[in-house]
């Protein structure tokens, strides 16, 4: 990866996360941004990459980067049950007319998005009067995207990340902080009953 790339990754063999200079700037991070904005931006990206150490791929390696089954039977069974729910939650959603999301293809990235959101919301909650609205808006901004129908179709078959709209909207609906901040209730399209919400970590 080049220093100017706007990207980041987790490498399970080295148990490392890598962030080039290209991503350490607006809209992901700014020294003049509020803590809420930076947590919604680069904070969720960092937490996303760390969460990959505990997803369906990274969870097959130990802390030294060796392929190893370190799960207890109960933990792994619970993990598989939760990941199955995540897969179903993100599957079959309309990207554009006639093109749907593939919850199996995007599973480990969706796990990381959910884990990142949970982690950063927990940290932000420790601030006095946390600005959840700024947090969620910042998170939406970093994933904004415009695609032609052809590109949307192509990415729906090869990209392990959910389509940007799904990546943002389908993740935030699992958190009380989102519903409470934006006044989401049973009559709204983005309302998901608490018992139907998903998450792994």
C-alpha atoms as a PDB file:
ATOM      1  CA  UNK A   1       0.000   0.000   0.000  1.00  0.00           C
ATOM      2  CA  UNK A   2       1.277   3.468  -0.895  1.00  0.00           C
ATOM      3  CA  UNK A   3       1.555   6.336   1.578  1.00  0.00           C
ATOM      4  CA  UNK A   4      -1.007   8.349  -0.425  1.00  0.00           C
ATOM      5  CA  UNK A   5      -3.645   5.586  -0.546  1.00  0.00           C
ATOM      6  CA  UNK A   6      -6.949   6.337   1.156  1.00  0.00           C
ATOM      7  CA  UNK A   7      -7.301   2.897   2.652  1.00  0.00           C
ATOM      8  CA  UNK A   8      -6.410   0.768   5.665  1.00  0.00           C
ATOM      9  CA  UNK A   9      -6.068  -2.926   6.386  1.00  0.00           C
ATOM     10  CA  UNK A  10      -5.569  -5.595   9.010  1.00  0.00           C
ATOM     11  CA  UNK A  11      -2.973  -8.306   8.403  1.00  0.00           C
ATOM     12  CA  UNK A  12      -3.676 -11.409  10.531  1.00  0.00           C
ATOM     13  CA  UNK A  13      -0.277 -12.993   9.847  1.00  0.00           C
ATOM     14  CA  UNK A  14       1.452 -10.038  11.518  1.00  0.00           C
ATOM     15  CA  UNK A  15      -1.482  -9.097  13.755  1.00  0.00           C
ATOM     16  CA  UNK A  16      -1.103  -5.514  12.553  1.00  0.00           C
ATOM     17  CA  UNK A  17      -3.258  -2.668  11.329  1.00  0.00           C
ATOM     18  CA  UNK A  18      -1.883  -0.304   8.675  1.00  0.00           C
ATOM     19  CA  UNK A  19      -3.020   3.267   7.959  1.00  0.00           C
ATOM     20  CA  UNK A  20      -1.232   5.228   5.196  1.00  0.00           C
ATOM     21  CA  UNK A  21      -1.011   9.025   5.442  1.00  0.00           C
ATOM     22  CA  UNK A  22      -3.676   9.278   2.737  1.00  0.00           C
ATOM     23  CA  UNK A  23      -6.453   8.240   5.110  1.00  0.00           C
ATOM     24  CA  UNK A  24      -5.230  10.297   8.058  1.00  0.00           C
ATOM     25  CA  UNK A  25      -6.825  13.505   6.758  1.00  0.00           C
ATOM     26  CA  UNK A  26     -10.278  14.945   6.115  1.00  0.00           C
ATOM     27  CA  UNK A  27     -12.955  13.722   6.065  1.00  0.00           C
ATOM     28  CA  UNK A  28     -11.594  10.840   8.144  1.00  0.00           C
ATOM     29  CA  UNK A  29      -9.515  12.894  10.568  1.00  0.00           C
ATOM     30  CA  UNK A  30      -8.876  16.552  11.273  1.00  0.00           C
ATOM     31  CA  UNK A  31      -7.122  18.247  14.157  1.00  0.00           C
ATOM     32  CA  UNK A  32      -9.869  20.887  14.045  1.00  0.00           C
ATOM     33  CA  UNK A  33     -12.723  18.358  14.126  1.00  0.00           C
ATOM     34  CA  UNK A  34     -14.591  17.512  17.313  1.00  0.00           C
ATOM     35  CA  UNK A  35     -13.932  14.215  19.106  1.00  0.00           C
ATOM     36  CA  UNK A  36     -17.343  12.986  17.920  1.00  0.00           C
ATOM     37  CA  UNK A  37     -16.483  13.743  14.293  1.00  0.00           C
ATOM     38  CA  UNK A  38     -13.092  12.046  14.528  1.00  0.00           C
ATOM     39  CA  UNK A  39     -14.577   8.987  16.250  1.00  0.00           C
ATOM     40  CA  UNK A  40     -17.213   8.785  13.505  1.00  0.00           C
ATOM     41  CA  UNK A  41     -14.464   9.054  10.902  1.00  0.00           C
ATOM     42  CA  UNK A  42     -11.010   7.613  11.546  1.00  0.00           C
ATOM     43  CA  UNK A  43     -12.122   6.151  14.889  1.00  0.00           C
ATOM     44  CA  UNK A  44     -14.537   3.760  13.218  1.00  0.00           C
ATOM     45  CA  UNK A  45     -11.941   2.892  10.570  1.00  0.00           C
ATOM     46  CA  UNK A  46      -9.334   2.010  13.217  1.00  0.00           C
ATOM     47  CA  UNK A  47     -11.871   0.037  15.263  1.00  0.00           C
ATOM     48  CA  UNK A  48     -13.065  -1.684  12.069  1.00  0.00           C
ATOM     49  CA  UNK A  49      -9.556  -2.921  11.286  1.00  0.00           C
ATOM     50  CA  UNK A  50      -8.972  -4.081  14.870  1.00  0.00           C
ATOM     51  CA  UNK A  51     -12.290  -5.955  14.798  1.00  0.00           C
ATOM     52  CA  UNK A  52     -11.015  -7.937  11.813  1.00  0.00           C
ATOM     53  CA  UNK A  53      -8.792  -9.783  14.303  1.00  0.00           C
ATOM     54  CA  UNK A  54     -11.992 -11.318  15.663  1.00  0.00           C
ATOM     55  CA  UNK A  55     -14.074 -11.930  12.546  1.00  0.00           C
ATOM     56  CA  UNK A  56     -14.600 -15.026  10.391  1.00  0.00           C
ATOM     57  CA  UNK A  57     -11.101 -14.641   8.885  1.00  0.00           C
ATOM     58  CA  UNK A  58      -8.900 -13.013  11.540  1.00  0.00           C
ATOM     59  CA  UNK A  59     -10.422 -15.210  14.233  1.00  0.00           C
ATOM     60  CA  UNK A  60      -8.523 -18.164  12.759  1.00  0.00           C
ATOM     61  CA  UNK A  61      -5.175 -16.682  13.869  1.00  0.00           C
ATOM     62  CA  UNK A  62      -3.638 -16.215  17.306  1.00  0.00           C
ATOM     63  CA  UNK A  63      -1.949 -13.090  18.669  1.00  0.00           C
ATOM     64  CA  UNK A  64       1.336 -14.094  17.020  1.00  0.00           C
ATOM     65  CA  UNK A  65      -0.226 -14.450  13.564  1.00  0.00           C
ATOM     66  CA  UNK A  66      -0.198 -18.238  13.582  1.00  0.00           C
ATOM     67  CA  UNK A  67      -3.164 -20.149  12.184  1.00  0.00           C
ATOM     68  CA  UNK A  68      -4.698 -21.591  15.336  1.00  0.00           C
ATOM     69  CA  UNK A  69      -8.078 -22.477  16.763  1.00  0.00           C
ATOM     70  CA  UNK A  70      -8.094 -20.556  20.052  1.00  0.00           C
ATOM     71  CA  UNK A  71     -11.877 -20.548  20.523  1.00  0.00           C
ATOM     72  CA  UNK A  72     -13.673 -22.477  23.245  1.00  0.00           C
ATOM     73  CA  UNK A  73     -16.505 -24.618  21.889  1.00  0.00           C
ATOM     74  CA  UNK A  74     -19.156 -22.439  23.543  1.00  0.00           C
ATOM     75  CA  UNK A  75     -17.593 -19.197  22.329  1.00  0.00           C
ATOM     76  CA  UNK A  76     -17.312 -20.432  18.761  1.00  0.00           C
ATOM     77  CA  UNK A  77     -20.878 -21.755  18.747  1.00  0.00           C
ATOM     78  CA  UNK A  78     -22.164 -18.373  19.986  1.00  0.00           C
ATOM     79  CA  UNK A  79     -19.969 -16.583  17.443  1.00  0.00           C
ATOM     80  CA  UNK A  80     -21.380 -18.689  14.588  1.00  0.00           C
ATOM     81  CA  UNK A  81     -24.957 -18.049  15.739  1.00  0.00           C
ATOM     82  CA  UNK A  82     -24.367 -14.305  15.833  1.00  0.00           C
ATOM     83  CA  UNK A  83     -22.580 -14.217  12.488  1.00  0.00           C
ATOM     84  CA  UNK A  84     -25.442 -16.165  10.888  1.00  0.00           C
ATOM     85  CA  UNK A  85     -27.841 -13.450  12.048  1.00  0.00           C
ATOM     86  CA  UNK A  86     -25.528 -10.745  10.677  1.00  0.00           C
ATOM     87  CA  UNK A  87     -25.366 -12.527   7.324  1.00  0.00           C
ATOM     88  CA  UNK A  88     -29.159 -12.725   7.114  1.00  0.00           C
ATOM     89  CA  UNK A  89     -29.558  -9.093   8.240  1.00  0.00           C
ATOM     90  CA  UNK A  90     -27.405  -7.780   5.381  1.00  0.00           C
ATOM     91  CA  UNK A  91     -28.616 -10.215   2.699  1.00  0.00           C
ATOM     92  CA  UNK A  92     -31.070  -9.516  -0.109  1.00  0.00           C
ATOM     93  CA  UNK A  93     -31.235  -5.739   0.325  1.00  0.00           C
ATOM     94  CA  UNK A  94     -31.875  -3.627  -2.754  1.00  0.00           C
ATOM     95  CA  UNK A  95     -28.783  -1.721  -3.907  1.00  0.00           C
ATOM     96  CA  UNK A  96     -30.533  -0.437  -7.028  1.00  0.00           C
ATOM     97  CA  UNK A  97     -33.554  -1.902  -8.805  1.00  0.00           C
ATOM     98  CA  UNK A  98     -32.818  -5.535  -9.633  1.00  0.00           C
ATOM     99  CA  UNK A  99     -29.503  -5.696  -7.755  1.00  0.00           C
ATOM    100  CA  UNK A 100     -29.368  -7.064  -4.220  1.00  0.00           C
ATOM    101  CA  UNK A 101     -26.761  -7.364  -1.497  1.00  0.00           C
ATOM    102  CA  UNK A 102     -25.005 -10.635  -0.693  1.00  0.00           C
ATOM    103  CA  UNK A 103     -24.789 -11.084   3.073  1.00  0.00           C
ATOM    104  CA  UNK A 104     -22.425 -14.033   2.787  1.00  0.00           C
ATOM    105  CA  UNK A 105     -19.923 -12.209   0.551  1.00  0.00           C
ATOM    106  CA  UNK A 106     -19.853  -9.160   2.835  1.00  0.00           C
ATOM    107  CA  UNK A 107     -20.101 -10.982   6.173  1.00  0.00           C
ATOM    108  CA  UNK A 108     -16.661 -10.349   7.655  1.00  0.00           C
ATOM    109  CA  UNK A 109     -16.711  -6.678   6.652  1.00  0.00           C
ATOM    110  CA  UNK A 110     -20.175  -6.218   8.154  1.00  0.00           C
ATOM    111  CA  UNK A 111     -18.963  -7.832  11.389  1.00  0.00           C
ATOM    112  CA  UNK A 112     -16.114  -5.307  11.459  1.00  0.00           C
ATOM    113  CA  UNK A 113     -18.445  -2.363  10.759  1.00  0.00           C
ATOM    114  CA  UNK A 114     -20.786  -3.400  13.567  1.00  0.00           C
ATOM    115  CA  UNK A 115     -17.900  -3.974  15.984  1.00  0.00           C
ATOM    116  CA  UNK A 116     -16.357  -0.615  15.107  1.00  0.00           C
ATOM    117  CA  UNK A 117     -19.621   1.233  15.629  1.00  0.00           C
ATOM    118  CA  UNK A 118     -20.171  -0.464  18.993  1.00  0.00           C
ATOM    119  CA  UNK A 119     -16.617   0.294  20.149  1.00  0.00           C
ATOM    120  CA  UNK A 120     -16.648   3.962  19.152  1.00  0.00           C
ATOM    121  CA  UNK A 121     -20.092   4.592  20.612  1.00  0.00           C
ATOM    122  CA  UNK A 122     -18.915   3.125  23.908  1.00  0.00           C
ATOM    123  CA  UNK A 123     -15.879   5.435  23.935  1.00  0.00           C
ATOM    124  CA  UNK A 124     -17.925   8.480  22.899  1.00  0.00           C
ATOM    125  CA  UNK A 125     -20.454   7.793  25.669  1.00  0.00           C
ATOM    126  CA  UNK A 126     -17.736   8.538  28.223  1.00  0.00           C
ATOM    127  CA  UNK A 127     -17.623  12.196  27.123  1.00  0.00           C
ATOM    128  CA  UNK A 128     -19.815  14.769  28.802  1.00  0.00           C
ATOM    129  CA  UNK A 129     -22.757  15.496  26.477  1.00  0.00           C
ATOM    130  CA  UNK A 130     -21.562  13.305  23.593  1.00  0.00           C
ATOM    131  CA  UNK A 131     -22.504  14.674  20.177  1.00  0.00           C
ATOM    132  CA  UNK A 132     -24.000  11.560  18.612  1.00  0.00           C
ATOM    133  CA  UNK A 133     -25.464  13.494  15.698  1.00  0.00           C
ATOM    134  CA  UNK A 134     -21.999  14.709  14.642  1.00  0.00           C
ATOM    135  CA  UNK A 135     -20.653  11.178  15.117  1.00  0.00           C
ATOM    136  CA  UNK A 136     -23.233   9.522  12.866  1.00  0.00           C
ATOM    137  CA  UNK A 137     -23.019  12.244  10.221  1.00  0.00           C
ATOM    138  CA  UNK A 138     -19.231  11.954  10.117  1.00  0.00           C
ATOM    139  CA  UNK A 139     -19.501   8.200   9.701  1.00  0.00           C
ATOM    140  CA  UNK A 140     -21.952   8.607   6.824  1.00  0.00           C
ATOM    141  CA  UNK A 141     -19.693  11.151   5.110  1.00  0.00           C
ATOM    142  CA  UNK A 142     -16.641   8.872   4.995  1.00  0.00           C
ATOM    143  CA  UNK A 143     -18.570   6.205   3.058  1.00  0.00           C
ATOM    144  CA  UNK A 144     -20.416   8.471   0.594  1.00  0.00           C
ATOM    145  CA  UNK A 145     -20.227   7.174  -2.940  1.00  0.00           C
ATOM    146  CA  UNK A 146     -21.761   7.528  -6.385  1.00  0.00           C
ATOM    147  CA  UNK A 147     -21.823   4.523  -8.708  1.00  0.00           C
ATOM    148  CA  UNK A 148     -23.259   3.794 -12.115  1.00  0.00           C
ATOM    149  CA  UNK A 149     -25.694   0.899 -12.241  1.00  0.00           C
ATOM    150  CA  UNK A 150     -23.043  -1.192 -14.003  1.00  0.00           C
ATOM    151  CA  UNK A 151     -20.474  -0.562 -11.283  1.00  0.00           C
ATOM    152  CA  UNK A 152     -23.036  -1.251  -8.563  1.00  0.00           C
ATOM    153  CA  UNK A 153     -23.811  -4.568 -10.245  1.00  0.00           C
ATOM    154  CA  UNK A 154     -20.114  -5.428 -10.557  1.00  0.00           C
ATOM    155  CA  UNK A 155     -19.283  -4.546  -6.951  1.00  0.00           C
ATOM    156  CA  UNK A 156     -22.311  -6.468  -5.651  1.00  0.00           C
ATOM    157  CA  UNK A 157     -20.645  -9.625  -6.975  1.00  0.00           C
ATOM    158  CA  UNK A 158     -16.993  -9.026  -6.074  1.00  0.00           C
ATOM    159  CA  UNK A 159     -16.662  -6.425  -3.291  1.00  0.00           C
ATOM    160  CA  UNK A 160     -16.487  -7.854   0.230  1.00  0.00           C
ATOM    161  CA  UNK A 161     -17.741  -4.507   1.577  1.00  0.00           C
ATOM    162  CA  UNK A 162     -21.425  -3.689   1.565  1.00  0.00           C
ATOM    163  CA  UNK A 163     -22.642  -1.007  -0.818  1.00  0.00           C
ATOM    164  CA  UNK A 164     -22.065   2.363   0.874  1.00  0.00           C
ATOM    165  CA  UNK A 165     -25.732   3.109   1.537  1.00  0.00           C
ATOM    166  CA  UNK A 166     -26.248  -0.316   3.076  1.00  0.00           C
ATOM    167  CA  UNK A 167     -22.920  -0.122   4.886  1.00  0.00           C
ATOM    168  CA  UNK A 168     -24.017   3.025   6.693  1.00  0.00           C
ATOM    169  CA  UNK A 169     -27.769   2.628   7.080  1.00  0.00           C
ATOM    170  CA  UNK A 170     -27.921  -1.076   7.868  1.00  0.00           C
ATOM    171  CA  UNK A 171     -25.220  -0.703  10.521  1.00  0.00           C
ATOM    172  CA  UNK A 172     -26.501   2.324  12.454  1.00  0.00           C
ATOM    173  CA  UNK A 173     -30.036   0.952  12.854  1.00  0.00           C
ATOM    174  CA  UNK A 174     -28.688  -1.591  15.344  1.00  0.00           C
ATOM    175  CA  UNK A 175     -27.818   1.042  17.939  1.00  0.00           C
ATOM    176  CA  UNK A 176     -30.059   2.844  20.436  1.00  0.00           C
ATOM    177  CA  UNK A 177     -27.898   5.958  20.164  1.00  0.00           C
ATOM    178  CA  UNK A 178     -28.904   6.321  16.511  1.00  0.00           C
ATOM    179  CA  UNK A 179     -32.626   5.810  17.103  1.00  0.00           C
ATOM    180  CA  UNK A 180     -32.649   8.176  20.070  1.00  0.00           C
ATOM    181  CA  UNK A 181     -30.568  10.875  18.358  1.00  0.00           C
ATOM    182  CA  UNK A 182     -32.686  11.014  15.214  1.00  0.00           C
ATOM    183  CA  UNK A 183     -36.046  10.185  16.808  1.00  0.00           C
ATOM    184  CA  UNK A 184     -36.497   6.913  14.929  1.00  0.00           C
ATOM    185  CA  UNK A 185     -39.696   5.095  15.898  1.00  0.00           C
ATOM    186  CA  UNK A 186     -41.893   2.239  14.693  1.00  0.00           C
ATOM    187  CA  UNK A 187     -43.350   4.329  11.850  1.00  0.00           C
ATOM    188  CA  UNK A 188     -39.955   5.052  10.254  1.00  0.00           C
ATOM    189  CA  UNK A 189     -38.347   3.027   7.479  1.00  0.00           C
ATOM    190  CA  UNK A 190     -35.069   2.790   9.396  1.00  0.00           C
ATOM    191  CA  UNK A 191     -36.694   1.403  12.541  1.00  0.00           C
ATOM    192  CA  UNK A 192     -35.531  -2.070  13.566  1.00  0.00           C
ATOM    193  CA  UNK A 193     -37.074  -3.589  16.710  1.00  0.00           C
ATOM    194  CA  UNK A 194     -34.450  -4.268  19.409  1.00  0.00           C
ATOM    195  CA  UNK A 195     -35.019  -8.028  19.228  1.00  0.00           C
ATOM    196  CA  UNK A 196     -34.181  -8.017  15.490  1.00  0.00           C
ATOM    197  CA  UNK A 197     -30.958  -6.032  15.790  1.00  0.00           C
ATOM    198  CA  UNK A 198     -27.651  -7.769  15.234  1.00  0.00           C
ATOM    199  CA  UNK A 199     -24.074  -7.558  16.413  1.00  0.00           C
ATOM    200  CA  UNK A 200     -21.203  -9.845  17.289  1.00  0.00           C
ATOM    201  CA  UNK A 201     -19.009  -7.789  19.605  1.00  0.00           C
END
